[in-house]
Amino acid sequence: MARKTKAPAAAPANETRLVKKPELLDEVVARTNLRKRDVKPAVEAAFAVLAEALRDGAQVNVPPLGKLRVVKTKALDGGADVITLKLRTPKHAAKAAVMPDDA
């Protein structure tokens, strides 16, 4: 059974596109041909591991995304933190992010 997904609305030229978790999950489902109920726990676990590593100050290297490192942190009221990250992308990140049709 083929699922129809909404095409993302084009952002105006002066506005940055915001990708939210449901849209990300839908894209992972489309690229992997797995069911959303199978994809969601894996994606959430990956985000939890990334968040924990960054909160602990570790550098995270995730090709083809790149290398993330914490530049500074600031504690807010209520126990939340603001973490400023630096992302270094590989030279050929755009090519590596595109999946081949026969995958």
Protein backbone atom coordinates (compact mmCIF):
# COMPACT_ATOMS: atom_id res chain seq x y z
CA MET A 1 0.00 0.00 0.00
CA ALA A 2 1.53 3.28 -1.11
CA ARG A 3 1.40 6.18 1.32
CA LYS A 4 0.84 9.68 0.13
CA THR A 5 2.90 12.30 1.92
CA LYS A 6 2.48 16.02 1.73
CA ALA A 7 5.15 17.87 -0.19
CA PRO A 8 6.93 20.34 2.11
CA ALA A 9 5.89 23.92 1.57
CA ALA A 10 8.60 26.02 0.00
CA ALA A 11 10.05 28.52 2.42
CA PRO A 12 10.29 32.15 1.30
CA ALA A 13 13.77 33.19 0.15
CA ASN A 14 14.50 35.09 3.37
CA GLU A 15 13.23 32.36 5.72
CA THR A 16 15.04 29.23 6.91
CA ARG A 17 13.13 25.96 6.54
CA LEU A 18 12.41 24.22 9.84
CA VAL A 19 12.36 20.42 9.70
CA LYS A 20 10.37 18.96 12.58
CA LYS A 21 10.53 15.40 13.87
CA PRO A 22 7.34 14.13 12.13
CA GLU A 23 8.63 15.35 8.77
CA LEU A 24 12.02 13.77 9.44
CA LEU A 25 10.36 10.46 10.36
CA ASP A 26 8.29 10.55 7.17
CA GLU A 27 11.45 11.12 5.11
CA VAL A 28 13.24 8.21 6.81
CA VAL A 29 10.21 5.99 6.14
CA ALA A 30 10.23 7.03 2.48
CA ARG A 31 13.96 6.37 2.06
CA THR A 32 14.05 3.04 3.90
CA ASN A 33 10.68 1.54 2.92
CA LEU A 34 10.19 0.58 6.57
CA ARG A 35 7.07 1.22 8.60
CA LYS A 36 6.86 4.34 10.74
CA ARG A 37 6.30 2.24 13.86
CA ASP A 38 9.63 0.51 13.16
CA VAL A 39 11.53 3.70 12.27
CA LYS A 40 10.34 5.96 15.10
CA PRO A 41 12.02 4.15 18.05
CA ALA A 42 15.34 3.88 16.20
CA VAL A 43 15.37 7.57 15.22
CA GLU A 44 14.37 8.65 18.73
CA ALA A 45 17.09 6.45 20.25
CA ALA A 46 19.69 7.91 17.88
CA PHE A 47 18.66 11.44 18.87
CA ALA A 48 18.85 10.51 22.56
CA VAL A 49 22.38 9.11 22.15
CA LEU A 50 23.50 12.22 20.21
CA ALA A 51 21.97 14.56 22.78
CA GLU A 52 23.59 12.71 25.69
CA ALA A 53 27.02 12.72 24.03
CA LEU A 54 26.80 16.45 23.23
CA ARG A 55 25.57 17.28 26.74
CA ASP A 56 28.64 15.43 28.07
CA GLY A 57 30.88 17.59 25.84
CA ALA A 58 31.90 14.81 23.43
CA GLN A 59 32.63 15.44 19.78
CA VAL A 60 30.26 13.52 17.51
CA ASN A 61 31.31 12.49 14.01
CA VAL A 62 28.35 11.35 11.89
CA PRO A 63 29.10 11.05 8.17
CA PRO A 64 27.69 12.46 5.91
CA LEU A 65 26.38 15.09 8.35
CA GLY A 66 29.83 15.97 9.66
CA LYS A 67 31.57 16.53 12.97
CA LEU A 68 29.70 18.25 15.80
CA ARG A 69 31.43 19.78 18.78
CA VAL A 70 30.25 21.89 21.67
CA VAL A 71 31.47 25.48 21.52
CA LYS A 72 29.78 26.77 24.68
CA THR A 73 26.97 25.96 27.07
CA LYS A 74 24.74 28.11 29.22
CA ALA A 75 22.46 26.88 31.98
CA LEU A 76 18.96 28.34 32.03
CA ASP A 77 16.40 28.57 34.82
CA GLY A 78 14.38 25.40 35.23
CA GLY A 79 17.23 23.02 34.46
CA ALA A 80 17.39 23.55 30.68
CA ASP A 81 20.64 24.30 28.86
CA VAL A 82 21.56 26.21 25.73
CA ILE A 83 24.32 24.40 23.85
CA THR A 84 26.07 26.17 20.98
CA LEU A 85 27.48 23.71 18.47
CA LYS A 86 29.93 23.92 15.62
CA LEU A 87 29.24 21.65 12.65
CA ARG A 88 32.07 20.89 10.25
CA THR A 89 30.77 19.25 7.10
CA PRO A 90 32.91 17.07 4.84
CA LYS A 91 33.96 18.38 1.42
CA HIS A 92 31.60 16.13 -0.47
CA ALA A 93 28.69 16.20 1.99
CA ALA A 94 26.09 17.07 -0.65
CA LYS A 95 27.07 14.09 -2.82
CA ALA A 96 27.24 11.70 0.14
CA ALA A 97 23.80 12.72 1.41
CA VAL A 98 22.09 11.72 -1.85
CA MET A 99 21.09 8.08 -1.87
CA PRO A 100 21.45 6.17 -5.14
CA ASP A 101 18.26 4.92 -6.81
CA ASP A 102 19.33 1.27 -6.62
CA ALA A 103 19.94 1.32 -2.84
